[in-house]
Amino acid sequence: HDDHGHHHGPVEPHESPKVVTVPLIL
């Protein structure tokens, strides 16, 4: 990422970390 949060190149999706997914489950 550059300084503005822009991602360059093809996107590679990934699952979010547990600190994000645990509240979803709860």
PDB file of all heavy atoms in Angstrom:
ATOM      1  N   HIS A   1       0.834  -1.193   0.000  1.00  0.00           N
ATOM      2  CA  HIS A   1       0.000   0.000   0.000  1.00  0.00           C
ATOM      3  C   HIS A   1       0.872   1.247   0.000  1.00  0.00           C
ATOM      4  O   HIS A   1       1.953   1.254   0.561  1.00  0.00           O
ATOM      5  CB  HIS A   1      -0.893   0.037   1.246  1.00  0.00           C
ATOM      6  CG  HIS A   1      -1.955  -1.006   1.236  1.00  0.00           C
ATOM      7  ND1 HIS A   1      -1.673  -2.339   1.352  1.00  0.00           N
ATOM      8  CD2 HIS A   1      -3.305  -0.895   1.143  1.00  0.00           C
ATOM      9  CE1 HIS A   1      -2.803  -3.030   1.349  1.00  0.00           C
ATOM     10  NE2 HIS A   1      -3.797  -2.163   1.221  1.00  0.00           N
ATOM     11  N   ASP A   2       0.362   2.284  -0.651  1.00  0.00           N
ATOM     12  CA  ASP A   2       1.071   3.548  -0.579  1.00  0.00           C
ATOM     13  C   ASP A   2       0.573   4.336   0.627  1.00  0.00           C
ATOM     14  O   ASP A   2      -0.208   3.857   1.433  1.00  0.00           O
ATOM     15  CB  ASP A   2       0.916   4.349  -1.889  1.00  0.00           C
ATOM     16  CG  ASP A   2      -0.526   4.741  -2.178  1.00  0.00           C
ATOM     17  OD1 ASP A   2      -1.336   4.750  -1.230  1.00  0.00           O
ATOM     18  OD2 ASP A   2      -0.824   5.036  -3.346  1.00  0.00           O
ATOM     19  N   ASP A   3       1.009   5.566   0.758  1.00  0.00           N
ATOM     20  CA  ASP A   3       0.686   6.351   1.942  1.00  0.00           C
ATOM     21  C   ASP A   3      -0.790   6.707   2.040  1.00  0.00           C
ATOM     22  O   ASP A   3      -1.255   7.134   3.082  1.00  0.00           O
ATOM     23  CB  ASP A   3       1.510   7.651   1.957  1.00  0.00           C
ATOM     24  CG  ASP A   3       2.986   7.359   2.180  1.00  0.00           C
ATOM     25  OD1 ASP A   3       3.277   6.299   2.763  1.00  0.00           O
ATOM     26  OD2 ASP A   3       3.825   8.182   1.775  1.00  0.00           O
ATOM     27  N   HIS A   4      -1.533   6.556   0.953  1.00  0.00           N
ATOM     28  CA  HIS A   4      -2.953   6.899   0.970  1.00  0.00           C
ATOM     29  C   HIS A   4      -3.822   5.667   1.125  1.00  0.00           C
ATOM     30  O   HIS A   4      -5.028   5.725   0.945  1.00  0.00           O
ATOM     31  CB  HIS A   4      -3.345   7.627  -0.324  1.00  0.00           C
ATOM     32  CG  HIS A   4      -2.601   8.913  -0.500  1.00  0.00           C
ATOM     33  ND1 HIS A   4      -2.882  10.038   0.229  1.00  0.00           N
ATOM     34  CD2 HIS A   4      -1.556   9.243  -1.319  1.00  0.00           C
ATOM     35  CE1 HIS A   4      -2.070  11.019  -0.132  1.00  0.00           C
ATOM     36  NE2 HIS A   4      -1.265  10.562  -1.061  1.00  0.00           N
ATOM     37  N   GLY A   5      -3.237   4.537   1.411  1.00  0.00           N
ATOM     38  CA  GLY A   5      -4.025   3.341   1.598  1.00  0.00           C
ATOM     39  C   GLY A   5      -4.463   2.698   0.302  1.00  0.00           C
ATOM     40  O   GLY A   5      -5.340   1.861   0.282  1.00  0.00           O
ATOM     41  N   HIS A   6      -3.871   3.066  -0.823  1.00  0.00           N
ATOM     42  CA  HIS A   6      -4.245   2.505  -2.112  1.00  0.00           C
ATOM     43  C   HIS A   6      -3.444   1.226  -2.365  1.00  0.00           C
ATOM     44  O   HIS A   6      -2.234   1.201  -2.200  1.00  0.00           O
ATOM     45  CB  HIS A   6      -3.979   3.511  -3.243  1.00  0.00           C
ATOM     46  CG  HIS A   6      -4.836   4.730  -3.132  1.00  0.00           C
ATOM     47  ND1 HIS A   6      -4.714   5.794  -3.972  1.00  0.00           N
ATOM     48  CD2 HIS A   6      -5.824   5.052  -2.265  1.00  0.00           C
ATOM     49  CE1 HIS A   6      -5.573   6.734  -3.651  1.00  0.00           C
ATOM     50  NE2 HIS A   6      -6.267   6.299  -2.603  1.00  0.00           N
ATOM     51  N   HIS A   7      -4.146   0.221  -2.794  1.00  0.00           N
ATOM     52  CA  HIS A   7      -3.497  -1.067  -3.027  1.00  0.00           C
ATOM     53  C   HIS A   7      -3.217  -1.209  -4.519  1.00  0.00           C
ATOM     54  O   HIS A   7      -4.090  -1.004  -5.346  1.00  0.00           O
ATOM     55  CB  HIS A   7      -4.421  -2.195  -2.564  1.00  0.00           C
ATOM     56  CG  HIS A   7      -3.823  -3.563  -2.740  1.00  0.00           C
ATOM     57  ND1 HIS A   7      -3.013  -4.132  -1.795  1.00  0.00           N
ATOM     58  CD2 HIS A   7      -3.918  -4.460  -3.753  1.00  0.00           C
ATOM     59  CE1 HIS A   7      -2.646  -5.336  -2.209  1.00  0.00           C
ATOM     60  NE2 HIS A   7      -3.180  -5.549  -3.386  1.00  0.00           N
ATOM     61  N   HIS A   8      -1.993  -1.566  -4.851  1.00  0.00           N
ATOM     62  CA  HIS A   8      -1.605  -1.684  -6.251  1.00  0.00           C
ATOM     63  C   HIS A   8      -1.470  -3.159  -6.622  1.00  0.00           C
ATOM     64  O   HIS A   8      -0.941  -3.964  -5.860  1.00  0.00           O
ATOM     65  CB  HIS A   8      -0.277  -0.960  -6.501  1.00  0.00           C
ATOM     66  CG  HIS A   8      -0.345   0.499  -6.147  1.00  0.00           C
ATOM     67  ND1 HIS A   8      -1.120   1.398  -6.834  1.00  0.00           N
ATOM     68  CD2 HIS A   8       0.267   1.207  -5.156  1.00  0.00           C
ATOM     69  CE1 HIS A   8      -0.975   2.600  -6.304  1.00  0.00           C
ATOM     70  NE2 HIS A   8      -0.151   2.502  -5.274  1.00  0.00           N
ATOM     71  N   GLY A   9      -1.935  -3.492  -7.797  1.00  0.00           N
ATOM     72  CA  GLY A   9      -1.845  -4.874  -8.251  1.00  0.00           C
ATOM     73  C   GLY A   9      -3.130  -5.633  -7.978  1.00  0.00           C
ATOM     74  O   GLY A   9      -4.078  -5.105  -7.400  1.00  0.00           O
ATOM     75  N   PRO A  10      -3.204  -6.896  -8.403  1.00  0.00           N
ATOM     76  CA  PRO A  10      -4.413  -7.705  -8.220  1.00  0.00           C
ATOM     77  C   PRO A  10      -4.743  -7.883  -6.741  1.00  0.00           C
ATOM     78  O   PRO A  10      -3.865  -7.986  -5.884  1.00  0.00           O
ATOM     79  CB  PRO A  10      -4.044  -9.048  -8.869  1.00  0.00           C
ATOM     80  CG  PRO A  10      -2.880  -8.746  -9.753  1.00  0.00           C
ATOM     81  CD  PRO A  10      -2.155  -7.617  -9.123  1.00  0.00           C
ATOM     82  N   VAL A  11      -6.045  -7.903  -6.459  1.00  0.00           N
ATOM     83  CA  VAL A  11      -6.502  -8.092  -5.092  1.00  0.00           C
ATOM     84  C   VAL A  11      -6.402  -9.559  -4.712  1.00  0.00           C
ATOM     85  O   VAL A  11      -6.777 -10.437  -5.483  1.00  0.00           O
ATOM     86  CB  VAL A  11      -7.960  -7.611  -4.943  1.00  0.00           C
ATOM     87  CG1 VAL A  11      -8.489  -7.926  -3.553  1.00  0.00           C
ATOM     88  CG2 VAL A  11      -8.051  -6.125  -5.219  1.00  0.00           C
ATOM     89  N   GLU A  12      -5.910  -9.831  -3.519  1.00  0.00           N
ATOM     90  CA  GLU A  12      -5.871 -11.190  -2.977  1.00  0.00           C
ATOM     91  C   GLU A  12      -6.698 -11.207  -1.697  1.00  0.00           C
ATOM     92  O   GLU A  12      -6.208 -10.833  -0.629  1.00  0.00           O
ATOM     93  CB  GLU A  12      -4.422 -11.614  -2.691  1.00  0.00           C
ATOM     94  CG  GLU A  12      -3.577 -11.813  -3.935  1.00  0.00           C
ATOM     95  CD  GLU A  12      -4.069 -12.973  -4.803  1.00  0.00           C
ATOM     96  OE1 GLU A  12      -4.734 -13.875  -4.264  1.00  0.00           O
ATOM     97  OE2 GLU A  12      -3.791 -12.944  -6.011  1.00  0.00           O
ATOM     98  N   PRO A  13      -7.953 -11.605  -1.790  1.00  0.00           N
ATOM     99  CA  PRO A  13      -8.800 -11.591  -0.583  1.00  0.00           C
ATOM    100  C   PRO A  13      -8.271 -12.510   0.497  1.00  0.00           C
ATOM    101  O   PRO A  13      -7.590 -13.499   0.222  1.00  0.00           O
ATOM    102  CB  PRO A  13     -10.144 -12.088  -1.112  1.00  0.00           C
ATOM    103  CG  PRO A  13     -10.072 -11.969  -2.583  1.00  0.00           C
ATOM    104  CD  PRO A  13      -8.642 -12.132  -2.964  1.00  0.00           C
ATOM    105  N   HIS A  14      -8.588 -12.169   1.733  1.00  0.00           N
ATOM    106  CA  HIS A  14      -8.158 -12.986   2.859  1.00  0.00           C
ATOM    107  C   HIS A  14      -9.166 -12.836   3.977  1.00  0.00           C
ATOM    108  O   HIS A  14      -9.854 -11.816   4.088  1.00  0.00           O
ATOM    109  CB  HIS A  14      -6.772 -12.552   3.345  1.00  0.00           C
ATOM    110  CG  HIS A  14      -6.689 -11.099   3.720  1.00  0.00           C
ATOM    111  ND1 HIS A  14      -7.113 -10.619   4.941  1.00  0.00           N
ATOM    112  CD2 HIS A  14      -6.252 -10.018   3.016  1.00  0.00           C
ATOM    113  CE1 HIS A  14      -6.929  -9.309   4.984  1.00  0.00           C
ATOM    114  NE2 HIS A  14      -6.415  -8.916   3.830  1.00  0.00           N
ATOM    115  N   GLU A  15      -9.267 -13.860   4.812  1.00  0.00           N
ATOM    116  CA  GLU A  15     -10.150 -13.779   5.965  1.00  0.00           C
ATOM    117  C   GLU A  15      -9.583 -12.783   6.974  1.00  0.00           C
ATOM    118  O   GLU A  15      -8.365 -12.612   7.092  1.00  0.00           O
ATOM    119  CB  GLU A  15     -10.297 -15.161   6.611  1.00  0.00           C
ATOM    120  CG  GLU A  15     -11.273 -15.219   7.780  1.00  0.00           C
ATOM    121  CD  GLU A  15     -12.691 -14.811   7.395  1.00  0.00           C
ATOM    122  OE1 GLU A  15     -12.971 -13.597   7.395  1.00  0.00           O
ATOM    123  OE2 GLU A  15     -13.499 -15.706   7.075  1.00  0.00           O
ATOM    124  N   SER A  16     -10.473 -12.118   7.683  1.00  0.00           N
ATOM    125  CA  SER A  16     -10.053 -11.131   8.674  1.00  0.00           C
ATOM    126  C   SER A  16      -9.490 -11.828   9.912  1.00  0.00           C
ATOM    127  O   SER A  16      -9.776 -13.002  10.160  1.00  0.00           O
ATOM    128  CB  SER A  16     -11.240 -10.250   9.059  1.00  0.00           C
ATOM    129  OG  SER A  16     -11.725  -9.550   7.931  1.00  0.00           O
ATOM    130  N   PRO A  17      -8.701 -11.107  10.719  1.00  0.00           N
ATOM    131  CA  PRO A  17      -8.137 -11.712  11.935  1.00  0.00           C
ATOM    132  C   PRO A  17      -9.224 -12.013  12.966  1.00  0.00           C
ATOM    133  O   PRO A  17     -10.357 -11.541  12.865  1.00  0.00           O
ATOM    134  CB  PRO A  17      -7.172 -10.640  12.434  1.00  0.00           C
ATOM    135  CG  PRO A  17      -7.693  -9.371  11.870  1.00  0.00           C
ATOM    136  CD  PRO A  17      -8.266  -9.712  10.537  1.00  0.00           C
ATOM    137  N   LYS A  18      -8.847 -12.761  13.980  1.00  0.00           N
ATOM    138  CA  LYS A  18      -9.816 -13.207  14.980  1.00  0.00           C
ATOM    139  C   LYS A  18     -10.445 -12.044  15.741  1.00  0.00           C
ATOM    140  O   LYS A  18     -11.607 -12.130  16.161  1.00  0.00           O
ATOM    141  CB  LYS A  18      -9.141 -14.166  15.967  1.00  0.00           C
ATOM    142  CG  LYS A  18      -8.832 -15.530  15.364  1.00  0.00           C
ATOM    143  CD  LYS A  18      -8.255 -16.472  16.409  1.00  0.00           C
ATOM    144  CE  LYS A  18      -7.978 -17.844  15.799  1.00  0.00           C
ATOM    145  NZ  LYS A  18      -7.422 -18.797  16.792  1.00  0.00           N
ATOM    146  N   VAL A  19      -9.704 -10.973  15.935  1.00  0.00           N
ATOM    147  CA  VAL A  19     -10.254  -9.842  16.661  1.00  0.00           C
ATOM    148  C   VAL A  19     -11.427  -9.222  15.904  1.00  0.00           C
ATOM    149  O   VAL A  19     -12.252  -8.505  16.485  1.00  0.00           O
ATOM    150  CB  VAL A  19      -9.151  -8.785  16.924  1.00  0.00           C
ATOM    151  CG1 VAL A  19      -8.806  -8.022  15.660  1.00  0.00           C
ATOM    152  CG2 VAL A  19      -9.535  -7.855  18.057  1.00  0.00           C
ATOM    153  N   VAL A  20     -11.526  -9.522  14.611  1.00  0.00           N
ATOM    154  CA  VAL A  20     -12.659  -9.087  13.797  1.00  0.00           C
ATOM    155  C   VAL A  20     -13.725 -10.172  13.706  1.00  0.00           C
ATOM    156  O   VAL A  20     -14.925  -9.900  13.818  1.00  0.00           O
ATOM    157  CB  VAL A  20     -12.180  -8.683  12.382  1.00  0.00           C
ATOM    158  CG1 VAL A  20     -13.360  -8.410  11.459  1.00  0.00           C
ATOM    159  CG2 VAL A  20     -11.281  -7.456  12.464  1.00  0.00           C
ATOM    160  N   THR A  21     -13.323 -11.432  13.503  1.00  0.00           N
ATOM    161  CA  THR A  21     -14.293 -12.507  13.284  1.00  0.00           C
ATOM    162  C   THR A  21     -14.979 -12.973  14.566  1.00  0.00           C
ATOM    163  O   THR A  21     -16.142 -13.400  14.517  1.00  0.00           O
ATOM    164  CB  THR A  21     -13.619 -13.713  12.610  1.00  0.00           C
ATOM    165  OG1 THR A  21     -12.508 -14.140  13.407  1.00  0.00           O
ATOM    166  CG2 THR A  21     -13.127 -13.336  11.218  1.00  0.00           C
ATOM    167  N   VAL A  22     -14.305 -12.890  15.713  1.00  0.00           N
ATOM    168  CA  VAL A  22     -14.940 -13.322  16.965  1.00  0.00           C
ATOM    169  C   VAL A  22     -16.181 -12.480  17.288  1.00  0.00           C
ATOM    170  O   VAL A  22     -17.236 -13.037  17.640  1.00  0.00           O
ATOM    171  CB  VAL A  22     -13.923 -13.315  18.125  1.00  0.00           C
ATOM    172  CG1 VAL A  22     -14.644 -13.487  19.465  1.00  0.00           C
ATOM    173  CG2 VAL A  22     -12.901 -14.421  17.939  1.00  0.00           C
ATOM    174  N   PRO A  23     -16.125 -11.130  17.183  1.00  0.00           N
ATOM    175  CA  PRO A  23     -17.370 -10.367  17.378  1.00  0.00           C
ATOM    176  C   PRO A  23     -18.471 -10.754  16.391  1.00  0.00           C
ATOM    177  O   PRO A  23     -19.658 -10.727  16.752  1.00  0.00           O
ATOM    178  CB  PRO A  23     -16.927  -8.907  17.161  1.00  0.00           C
ATOM    179  CG  PRO A  23     -15.487  -8.903  17.555  1.00  0.00           C
ATOM    180  CD  PRO A  23     -14.959 -10.227  17.083  1.00  0.00           C
ATOM    181  N   LEU A  24     -18.094 -11.127  15.153  1.00  0.00           N
ATOM    182  CA  LEU A  24     -19.104 -11.574  14.204  1.00  0.00           C
ATOM    183  C   LEU A  24     -19.806 -12.822  14.716  1.00  0.00           C
ATOM    184  O   LEU A  24     -21.044 -12.946  14.643  1.00  0.00           O
ATOM    185  CB  LEU A  24     -18.467 -11.854  12.844  1.00  0.00           C
ATOM    186  CG  LEU A  24     -17.824 -10.682  12.095  1.00  0.00           C
ATOM    187  CD1 LEU A  24     -17.269 -11.160  10.752  1.00  0.00           C
ATOM    188  CD2 LEU A  24     -18.817  -9.570  11.884  1.00  0.00           C
ATOM    189  N   ILE A  25     -19.052 -13.780  15.225  1.00  0.00           N
ATOM    190  CA  ILE A  25     -19.630 -15.028  15.732  1.00  0.00           C
ATOM    191  C   ILE A  25     -20.512 -14.747  16.950  1.00  0.00           C
ATOM    192  O   ILE A  25     -21.624 -15.292  17.073  1.00  0.00           O
ATOM    193  CB  ILE A  25     -18.511 -16.024  16.094  1.00  0.00           C
ATOM    194  CG1 ILE A  25     -17.731 -16.403  14.824  1.00  0.00           C
ATOM    195  CG2 ILE A  25     -19.074 -17.267  16.767  1.00  0.00           C
ATOM    196  CD1 ILE A  25     -16.458 -17.183  15.092  1.00  0.00           C
ATOM    197  N   LEU A  26     -20.042 -13.872  17.830  1.00  0.00           N
ATOM    198  CA  LEU A  26     -20.814 -13.561  19.027  1.00  0.00           C
ATOM    199  C   LEU A  26     -22.115 -12.829  18.698  1.00  0.00           C
ATOM    200  O   LEU A  26     -23.099 -12.944  19.446  1.00  0.00           O
ATOM    201  CB  LEU A  26     -19.969 -12.717  19.987  1.00  0.00           C
ATOM    202  CG  LEU A  26     -18.759 -13.429  20.603  1.00  0.00           C
ATOM    203  CD1 LEU A  26     -17.966 -12.476  21.485  1.00  0.00           C
ATOM    204  CD2 LEU A  26     -19.200 -14.651  21.407  1.00  0.00           C
TER     205      LEU A  26
END
